[in-house]
Amino acid sequence: MKKFLFRAMSMSLLVCGAMIFATGCRTNEEEEINPTHNAEGERLIKKITCSSEDYIFDFTYYMDGNIKQFSTGENTIVIIEKNSNILSYTINGSQRYSDLNEMGYVIAVEGCNFNYYSTGELKSRKIGEYYNTTYTWDKGNMIKSFGQSIDGTKETRTYTYSSIKNSFNLDFFAQWEIAFGDILGFTGFLGNKTSNLIEKIDVVHAGSHYTISYNYTFDDEGNVTTITKFSTYTNSSYQYAITYW
């Protein structure tokens, strides 16, 4: 079962998640002059490492906050260029393209289509003709999602947040239900990030209930250093280690 989950995750990360990575061409001089905070005063992340008993993968970033590389150990995704509303990138040497909307957010990822509110928050995700999910936001946080498959199976997720503000350039809300993996939660190309750190997700799927909880550790400056996510559905946990510029 663990091997199956690992293969499924690896494939989904490559097919769906990879298509939302982007960055422009940079020089050494550009990287040297970039600060540790962006123009909004948000702390810039250098690397995120996700691990569990089954797998480990890394996200690395440029100093301007754009994604640089994603690696699963077996496969590496290297970003090439972002021009206007077009992403061009390579997956193990194979070049591909994806479109962004006028706000710079992903429109489609091979079979998945995304829509946004005029204010930039994710509004809906549609997977072909098989599954549709809508998202409700309040005070800068996604508070509920509702999904329904073609066979009528329904799923509702209710999100609870801590009082701690998300003062970083990326969203620590790892949204599994949005893109078949954590990648979209860590790139900035799937709409506005949440205002606060996620604390818990209550899930009701086809009448069954389970929860996903998030716990954090911080350094002396208040930066998140580790995130531990635990699901009662799989009875397993995932840990994210964060390194800053």
C-alpha atoms as a PDB file:
ATOM      1  CA  MET A   1       0.000   0.000   0.000  1.00  0.00           C
ATOM      2  CA  LYS A   2       2.864   2.393   0.867  1.00  0.00           C
ATOM      3  CA  LYS A   3       4.552   1.729  -2.467  1.00  0.00           C
ATOM      4  CA  PHE A   4       1.282   2.408  -4.274  1.00  0.00           C
ATOM      5  CA  LEU A   5       0.776   5.697  -2.431  1.00  0.00           C
ATOM      6  CA  PHE A   6       4.326   6.770  -3.219  1.00  0.00           C
ATOM      7  CA  ARG A   7       3.930   6.020  -6.925  1.00  0.00           C
ATOM      8  CA  ALA A   8       0.571   7.784  -7.050  1.00  0.00           C
ATOM      9  CA  MET A   9       1.976  10.827  -5.295  1.00  0.00           C
ATOM     10  CA  SER A  10       5.044  10.967  -7.518  1.00  0.00           C
ATOM     11  CA  MET A  11       2.938  10.811 -10.682  1.00  0.00           C
ATOM     12  CA  SER A  12       0.449  13.402  -9.464  1.00  0.00           C
ATOM     13  CA  LEU A  13       3.218  15.755  -8.408  1.00  0.00           C
ATOM     14  CA  LEU A  14       4.836  15.483 -11.819  1.00  0.00           C
ATOM     15  CA  VAL A  15       1.649  15.749 -13.895  1.00  0.00           C
ATOM     16  CA  CYS A  16      -0.289  18.403 -12.017  1.00  0.00           C
ATOM     17  CA  GLY A  17       2.002  20.142  -9.584  1.00  0.00           C
ATOM     18  CA  ALA A  18       4.951  20.662 -11.877  1.00  0.00           C
ATOM     19  CA  MET A  19       3.017  22.711 -14.353  1.00  0.00           C
ATOM     20  CA  ILE A  20       2.633  25.632 -11.987  1.00  0.00           C
ATOM     21  CA  PHE A  21       6.307  26.303 -11.352  1.00  0.00           C
ATOM     22  CA  ALA A  22       7.838  29.369 -12.967  1.00  0.00           C
ATOM     23  CA  THR A  23      10.681  31.836 -12.826  1.00  0.00           C
ATOM     24  CA  GLY A  24      12.395  34.354 -15.053  1.00  0.00           C
ATOM     25  CA  CYS A  25      16.015  34.311 -16.157  1.00  0.00           C
ATOM     26  CA  ARG A  26      18.323  35.661 -13.439  1.00  0.00           C
ATOM     27  CA  THR A  27      21.936  36.726 -13.131  1.00  0.00           C
ATOM     28  CA  ASN A  28      24.275  36.313 -10.192  1.00  0.00           C
ATOM     29  CA  GLU A  29      24.170  40.084  -9.692  1.00  0.00           C
ATOM     30  CA  GLU A  30      20.370  40.036  -9.412  1.00  0.00           C
ATOM     31  CA  GLU A  31      20.451  37.299  -6.800  1.00  0.00           C
ATOM     32  CA  GLU A  32      23.139  39.059  -4.754  1.00  0.00           C
ATOM     33  CA  ILE A  33      21.186  42.295  -4.343  1.00  0.00           C
ATOM     34  CA  ASN A  34      17.877  40.703  -3.349  1.00  0.00           C
ATOM     35  CA  PRO A  35      17.038  41.076   0.390  1.00  0.00           C
ATOM     36  CA  THR A  36      15.771  38.437   2.816  1.00  0.00           C
ATOM     37  CA  HIS A  37      12.313  40.070   2.725  1.00  0.00           C
ATOM     38  CA  ASN A  38      10.187  41.038  -0.276  1.00  0.00           C
ATOM     39  CA  ALA A  39       8.642  44.461  -0.962  1.00  0.00           C
ATOM     40  CA  GLU A  40       5.664  43.563   1.252  1.00  0.00           C
ATOM     41  CA  GLY A  41       7.982  42.805   4.168  1.00  0.00           C
ATOM     42  CA  GLU A  42       7.369  39.061   3.983  1.00  0.00           C
ATOM     43  CA  ARG A  43      10.187  36.667   4.935  1.00  0.00           C
ATOM     44  CA  LEU A  44      11.659  34.906   1.886  1.00  0.00           C
ATOM     45  CA  ILE A  45      11.967  31.129   1.926  1.00  0.00           C
ATOM     46  CA  LYS A  46      15.046  29.402   0.504  1.00  0.00           C
ATOM     47  CA  LYS A  47      14.083  25.738   0.773  1.00  0.00           C
ATOM     48  CA  ILE A  48      11.271  23.460   1.964  1.00  0.00           C
ATOM     49  CA  THR A  49      11.926  19.768   2.559  1.00  0.00           C
ATOM     50  CA  CYS A  50       8.931  17.464   2.948  1.00  0.00           C
ATOM     51  CA  SER A  51       9.414  14.010   4.414  1.00  0.00           C
ATOM     52  CA  SER A  52       7.510  10.997   5.704  1.00  0.00           C
ATOM     53  CA  GLU A  53       8.326   7.334   6.188  1.00  0.00           C
ATOM     54  CA  ASP A  54       7.590   6.766   2.497  1.00  0.00           C
ATOM     55  CA  TYR A  55       9.248   9.630   0.623  1.00  0.00           C
ATOM     56  CA  ILE A  56      11.188  12.893   0.702  1.00  0.00           C
ATOM     57  CA  PHE A  57      11.176  15.818  -1.724  1.00  0.00           C
ATOM     58  CA  ASP A  58      12.573  19.347  -1.872  1.00  0.00           C
ATOM     59  CA  PHE A  59      11.437  22.753  -3.094  1.00  0.00           C
ATOM     60  CA  THR A  60      14.181  25.334  -3.638  1.00  0.00           C
ATOM     61  CA  TYR A  61      13.656  29.028  -4.380  1.00  0.00           C
ATOM     62  CA  TYR A  62      15.457  32.039  -5.773  1.00  0.00           C
ATOM     63  CA  MET A  63      16.009  35.012  -3.467  1.00  0.00           C
ATOM     64  CA  ASP A  64      13.126  36.864  -5.123  1.00  0.00           C
ATOM     65  CA  GLY A  65      10.727  34.142  -3.961  1.00  0.00           C
ATOM     66  CA  ASN A  66      10.170  32.414  -7.297  1.00  0.00           C
ATOM     67  CA  ILE A  67      10.440  28.644  -7.436  1.00  0.00           C
ATOM     68  CA  LYS A  68      13.796  27.378  -8.719  1.00  0.00           C
ATOM     69  CA  GLN A  69      13.607  23.596  -8.597  1.00  0.00           C
ATOM     70  CA  PHE A  70      11.543  20.706  -7.301  1.00  0.00           C
ATOM     71  CA  SER A  71      13.172  17.355  -6.688  1.00  0.00           C
ATOM     72  CA  THR A  72      11.731  14.008  -5.600  1.00  0.00           C
ATOM     73  CA  GLY A  73      15.083  12.289  -5.565  1.00  0.00           C
ATOM     74  CA  GLU A  74      13.995  10.115  -8.505  1.00  0.00           C
ATOM     75  CA  ASN A  75      12.824  12.984 -10.718  1.00  0.00           C
ATOM     76  CA  THR A  76      13.828  16.641 -10.928  1.00  0.00           C
ATOM     77  CA  ILE A  77      11.781  19.515 -12.333  1.00  0.00           C
ATOM     78  CA  VAL A  78      13.818  22.542 -13.415  1.00  0.00           C
ATOM     79  CA  ILE A  79      12.136  25.845 -14.187  1.00  0.00           C
ATOM     80  CA  ILE A  80      13.142  27.663 -17.357  1.00  0.00           C
ATOM     81  CA  GLU A  81      11.239  30.923 -17.858  1.00  0.00           C
ATOM     82  CA  LYS A  82       8.098  32.949 -17.233  1.00  0.00           C
ATOM     83  CA  ASN A  83       7.142  35.387 -19.991  1.00  0.00           C
ATOM     84  CA  SER A  84       3.992  37.430 -19.483  1.00  0.00           C
ATOM     85  CA  ASN A  85       1.196  34.851 -19.158  1.00  0.00           C
ATOM     86  CA  ILE A  86       3.157  31.847 -20.402  1.00  0.00           C
ATOM     87  CA  LEU A  87       5.204  29.388 -18.338  1.00  0.00           C
ATOM     88  CA  SER A  88       7.882  27.348 -20.057  1.00  0.00           C
ATOM     89  CA  TYR A  89       9.679  24.677 -18.073  1.00  0.00           C
ATOM     90  CA  THR A  90      11.349  21.318 -18.280  1.00  0.00           C
ATOM     91  CA  ILE A  91      10.467  18.005 -16.676  1.00  0.00           C
ATOM     92  CA  ASN A  92      13.510  15.763 -16.865  1.00  0.00           C
ATOM     93  CA  GLY A  93      14.558  17.387 -20.125  1.00  0.00           C
ATOM     94  CA  SER A  94      11.097  17.589 -21.703  1.00  0.00           C
ATOM     95  CA  GLN A  95       9.885  21.159 -22.281  1.00  0.00           C
ATOM     96  CA  ARG A  96       6.253  22.072 -21.656  1.00  0.00           C
ATOM     97  CA  TYR A  97       4.068  25.171 -21.429  1.00  0.00           C
ATOM     98  CA  SER A  98       1.134  26.409 -19.362  1.00  0.00           C
ATOM     99  CA  ASP A  99      -0.991  29.571 -19.340  1.00  0.00           C
ATOM    100  CA  LEU A 100      -1.496  32.114 -16.550  1.00  0.00           C
ATOM    101  CA  ASN A 101      -4.341  34.590 -16.190  1.00  0.00           C
ATOM    102  CA  GLU A 102      -3.920  38.366 -15.968  1.00  0.00           C
ATOM    103  CA  MET A 103      -3.182  38.085 -12.230  1.00  0.00           C
ATOM    104  CA  GLY A 104      -0.385  35.598 -12.852  1.00  0.00           C
ATOM    105  CA  TYR A 105      -2.275  32.537 -11.599  1.00  0.00           C
ATOM    106  CA  VAL A 106      -2.596  29.120 -13.210  1.00  0.00           C
ATOM    107  CA  ILE A 107      -5.567  28.664 -15.535  1.00  0.00           C
ATOM    108  CA  ALA A 108      -5.211  24.984 -16.331  1.00  0.00           C
ATOM    109  CA  VAL A 109      -3.026  21.997 -15.472  1.00  0.00           C
ATOM    110  CA  GLU A 110      -3.557  18.985 -17.752  1.00  0.00           C
ATOM    111  CA  GLY A 111      -7.186  18.137 -17.076  1.00  0.00           C
ATOM    112  CA  CYS A 112      -7.635  20.625 -14.206  1.00  0.00           C
ATOM    113  CA  ASN A 113      -9.150  24.078 -14.739  1.00  0.00           C
ATOM    114  CA  PHE A 114      -9.034  26.848 -12.146  1.00  0.00           C
ATOM    115  CA  ASN A 115     -11.201  29.958 -11.680  1.00  0.00           C
ATOM    116  CA  TYR A 116     -10.597  32.899  -9.350  1.00  0.00           C
ATOM    117  CA  TYR A 117     -12.503  35.668  -7.626  1.00  0.00           C
ATOM    118  CA  SER A 118     -11.796  39.175  -8.933  1.00  0.00           C
ATOM    119  CA  THR A 119      -9.818  39.785  -5.738  1.00  0.00           C
ATOM    120  CA  GLY A 120      -7.445  36.915  -6.567  1.00  0.00           C
ATOM    121  CA  GLU A 121      -8.634  34.066  -4.319  1.00  0.00           C
ATOM    122  CA  LEU A 122      -9.240  30.622  -5.784  1.00  0.00           C
ATOM    123  CA  LYS A 123     -12.941  30.207  -6.595  1.00  0.00           C
ATOM    124  CA  SER A 124     -13.249  26.762  -8.165  1.00  0.00           C
ATOM    125  CA  ARG A 125     -11.400  23.783  -9.579  1.00  0.00           C
ATOM    126  CA  LYS A 126     -12.800  21.459 -12.217  1.00  0.00           C
ATOM    127  CA  ILE A 127     -11.284  18.119 -13.193  1.00  0.00           C
ATOM    128  CA  GLY A 128     -12.601  17.380 -16.674  1.00  0.00           C
ATOM    129  CA  GLU A 129     -16.271  16.457 -16.409  1.00  0.00           C
ATOM    130  CA  TYR A 130     -15.696  14.247 -13.387  1.00  0.00           C
ATOM    131  CA  TYR A 131     -15.227  16.461 -10.342  1.00  0.00           C
ATOM    132  CA  ASN A 132     -15.946  20.064  -9.416  1.00  0.00           C
ATOM    133  CA  THR A 133     -14.938  21.935  -6.237  1.00  0.00           C
ATOM    134  CA  THR A 134     -15.912  25.418  -5.086  1.00  0.00           C
ATOM    135  CA  TYR A 135     -14.106  27.470  -2.413  1.00  0.00           C
ATOM    136  CA  THR A 136     -15.430  30.036   0.064  1.00  0.00           C
ATOM    137  CA  TRP A 137     -13.200  32.712   1.599  1.00  0.00           C
ATOM    138  CA  ASP A 138     -13.607  35.112   4.521  1.00  0.00           C
ATOM    139  CA  LYS A 139     -11.186  37.737   5.859  1.00  0.00           C
ATOM    140  CA  GLY A 140      -8.369  36.467   3.663  1.00  0.00           C
ATOM    141  CA  ASN A 141      -8.740  32.798   4.581  1.00  0.00           C
ATOM    142  CA  MET A 142     -10.313  29.866   2.749  1.00  0.00           C
ATOM    143  CA  ILE A 143     -12.999  28.714   5.189  1.00  0.00           C
ATOM    144  CA  LYS A 144     -14.875  26.014   3.266  1.00  0.00           C
ATOM    145  CA  SER A 145     -14.774  23.887   0.131  1.00  0.00           C
ATOM    146  CA  PHE A 146     -17.441  21.726  -1.427  1.00  0.00           C
ATOM    147  CA  GLY A 147     -16.728  19.058  -4.018  1.00  0.00           C
ATOM    148  CA  GLN A 148     -18.947  16.708  -5.967  1.00  0.00           C
ATOM    149  CA  SER A 149     -18.057  13.959  -8.427  1.00  0.00           C
ATOM    150  CA  ILE A 150     -20.004  12.876 -11.487  1.00  0.00           C
ATOM    151  CA  ASP A 151     -21.454   9.931  -9.539  1.00  0.00           C
ATOM    152  CA  GLY A 152     -22.870  12.258  -6.878  1.00  0.00           C
ATOM    153  CA  THR A 153     -20.253  11.622  -4.174  1.00  0.00           C
ATOM    154  CA  LYS A 154     -19.864  14.762  -2.059  1.00  0.00           C
ATOM    155  CA  GLU A 155     -17.094  16.128   0.110  1.00  0.00           C
ATOM    156  CA  THR A 156     -17.116  19.182   2.392  1.00  0.00           C
ATOM    157  CA  ARG A 157     -14.013  20.624   4.037  1.00  0.00           C
ATOM    158  CA  THR A 158     -14.102  23.214   6.810  1.00  0.00           C
ATOM    159  CA  TYR A 159     -10.888  25.069   7.593  1.00  0.00           C
ATOM    160  CA  THR A 160      -9.840  26.434  10.983  1.00  0.00           C
ATOM    161  CA  TYR A 161      -6.946  28.892  11.356  1.00  0.00           C
ATOM    162  CA  SER A 162      -4.699  29.999  14.185  1.00  0.00           C
ATOM    163  CA  SER A 163      -4.384  33.639  15.204  1.00  0.00           C
ATOM    164  CA  ILE A 164      -0.828  33.681  13.811  1.00  0.00           C
ATOM    165  CA  LYS A 165      -0.470  35.704  10.643  1.00  0.00           C
ATOM    166  CA  ASN A 166       1.139  34.159   7.564  1.00  0.00           C
ATOM    167  CA  SER A 167       3.968  36.691   7.325  1.00  0.00           C
ATOM    168  CA  PHE A 168       5.941  34.736   4.712  1.00  0.00           C
ATOM    169  CA  ASN A 169       6.074  34.979   0.938  1.00  0.00           C
ATOM    170  CA  LEU A 170       4.571  31.493   0.459  1.00  0.00           C
ATOM    171  CA  ASP A 171       1.399  29.861   1.674  1.00  0.00           C
ATOM    172  CA  PHE A 172       2.052  27.209   4.340  1.00  0.00           C
ATOM    173  CA  PHE A 173      -1.476  25.949   3.678  1.00  0.00           C
ATOM    174  CA  ALA A 174      -0.621  22.700   1.861  1.00  0.00           C
ATOM    175  CA  GLN A 175      -3.831  22.219  -0.141  1.00  0.00           C
ATOM    176  CA  TRP A 176      -3.924  18.528  -1.033  1.00  0.00           C
ATOM    177  CA  GLU A 177      -7.473  18.732  -2.304  1.00  0.00           C
ATOM    178  CA  ILE A 178      -6.614  21.410  -4.850  1.00  0.00           C
ATOM    179  CA  ALA A 179      -3.859  19.817  -6.905  1.00  0.00           C
ATOM    180  CA  PHE A 180      -3.324  16.211  -5.874  1.00  0.00           C
ATOM    181  CA  GLY A 181      -0.316  17.151  -3.755  1.00  0.00           C
ATOM    182  CA  ASP A 182       1.254  19.862  -1.598  1.00  0.00           C
ATOM    183  CA  ILE A 183       3.014  21.634  -4.437  1.00  0.00           C
ATOM    184  CA  LEU A 184       0.371  24.266  -5.204  1.00  0.00           C
ATOM    185  CA  GLY A 185       0.403  25.408  -1.600  1.00  0.00           C
ATOM    186  CA  PHE A 186       4.066  26.309  -1.893  1.00  0.00           C
ATOM    187  CA  THR A 187       4.384  28.156  -5.195  1.00  0.00           C
ATOM    188  CA  GLY A 188       2.198  31.257  -5.257  1.00  0.00           C
ATOM    189  CA  PHE A 189       0.586  30.433  -8.616  1.00  0.00           C
ATOM    190  CA  LEU A 190      -2.808  29.266  -7.350  1.00  0.00           C
ATOM    191  CA  GLY A 191      -4.351  32.499  -6.179  1.00  0.00           C
ATOM    192  CA  ASN A 192      -3.863  34.627  -3.079  1.00  0.00           C
ATOM    193  CA  LYS A 193      -2.304  32.991  -0.064  1.00  0.00           C
ATOM    194  CA  THR A 194      -4.230  32.657   3.185  1.00  0.00           C
ATOM    195  CA  SER A 195      -3.822  35.384   5.811  1.00  0.00           C
ATOM    196  CA  ASN A 196      -3.282  33.064   8.791  1.00  0.00           C
ATOM    197  CA  LEU A 197      -1.552  29.757   9.445  1.00  0.00           C
ATOM    198  CA  ILE A 198      -3.873  26.785   8.948  1.00  0.00           C
ATOM    199  CA  GLU A 199      -4.637  24.827  12.119  1.00  0.00           C
ATOM    200  CA  LYS A 200      -7.130  22.111  11.194  1.00  0.00           C
ATOM    201  CA  ILE A 201      -9.253  20.773   8.345  1.00  0.00           C
ATOM    202  CA  ASP A 202     -12.472  18.879   9.088  1.00  0.00           C
ATOM    203  CA  VAL A 203     -13.409  16.623   6.185  1.00  0.00           C
ATOM    204  CA  VAL A 204     -16.757  14.939   5.540  1.00  0.00           C
ATOM    205  CA  HIS A 205     -16.495  12.586   2.570  1.00  0.00           C
ATOM    206  CA  ALA A 206     -19.507  10.493   1.526  1.00  0.00           C
ATOM    207  CA  GLY A 207     -20.741  10.622   5.115  1.00  0.00           C
ATOM    208  CA  SER A 208     -17.416   9.704   6.720  1.00  0.00           C
ATOM    209  CA  HIS A 209     -15.463  12.189   8.835  1.00  0.00           C
ATOM    210  CA  TYR A 210     -11.745  12.691   9.399  1.00  0.00           C
ATOM    211  CA  THR A 211      -9.399  15.560  10.296  1.00  0.00           C
ATOM    212  CA  ILE A 212      -6.069  16.955   9.137  1.00  0.00           C
ATOM    213  CA  SER A 213      -4.151  18.912  11.762  1.00  0.00           C
ATOM    214  CA  TYR A 214      -1.131  21.231  11.497  1.00  0.00           C
ATOM    215  CA  ASN A 215       1.445  21.939  14.206  1.00  0.00           C
ATOM    216  CA  TYR A 216       4.328  24.423  13.988  1.00  0.00           C
ATOM    217  CA  THR A 217       7.675  25.185  15.581  1.00  0.00           C
ATOM    218  CA  PHE A 218       9.254  28.654  15.404  1.00  0.00           C
ATOM    219  CA  ASP A 219      12.676  30.225  15.720  1.00  0.00           C
ATOM    220  CA  ASP A 220      13.493  33.164  18.009  1.00  0.00           C
ATOM    221  CA  GLU A 221      12.343  35.637  15.351  1.00  0.00           C
ATOM    222  CA  GLY A 222       8.945  33.988  14.969  1.00  0.00           C
ATOM    223  CA  ASN A 223       9.689  32.278  11.651  1.00  0.00           C
ATOM    224  CA  VAL A 224       8.156  28.851  11.131  1.00  0.00           C
ATOM    225  CA  THR A 225      10.920  26.222  11.110  1.00  0.00           C
ATOM    226  CA  THR A 226       8.899  23.003  10.925  1.00  0.00           C
ATOM    227  CA  ILE A 227       5.330  22.053  10.082  1.00  0.00           C
ATOM    228  CA  THR A 228       3.888  18.674  11.048  1.00  0.00           C
ATOM    229  CA  LYS A 229       0.697  17.610   9.297  1.00  0.00           C
ATOM    230  CA  PHE A 230      -1.269  14.618  10.590  1.00  0.00           C
ATOM    231  CA  SER A 231      -4.261  12.942   8.942  1.00  0.00           C
ATOM    232  CA  THR A 232      -6.624  10.689  10.874  1.00  0.00           C
ATOM    233  CA  TYR A 233      -7.706   9.198   7.536  1.00  0.00           C
ATOM    234  CA  THR A 234      -4.318   7.652   6.780  1.00  0.00           C
ATOM    235  CA  ASN A 235      -3.088   7.788  10.392  1.00  0.00           C
ATOM    236  CA  SER A 236       0.169   9.195   9.088  1.00  0.00           C
ATOM    237  CA  SER A 237       2.150  12.419   9.391  1.00  0.00           C
ATOM    238  CA  TYR A 238       4.265  14.584   7.085  1.00  0.00           C
ATOM    239  CA  GLN A 239       6.911  17.044   8.175  1.00  0.00           C
ATOM    240  CA  TYR A 240       8.101  20.176   6.412  1.00  0.00           C
ATOM    241  CA  ALA A 241      11.434  21.779   7.306  1.00  0.00           C
ATOM    242  CA  ILE A 242      11.809  25.410   6.212  1.00  0.00           C
ATOM    243  CA  THR A 243      15.064  27.268   5.534  1.00  0.00           C
ATOM    244  CA  TYR A 244      15.136  31.034   4.923  1.00  0.00           C
ATOM    245  CA  TRP A 245      17.433  33.385   3.014  1.00  0.00           C
END
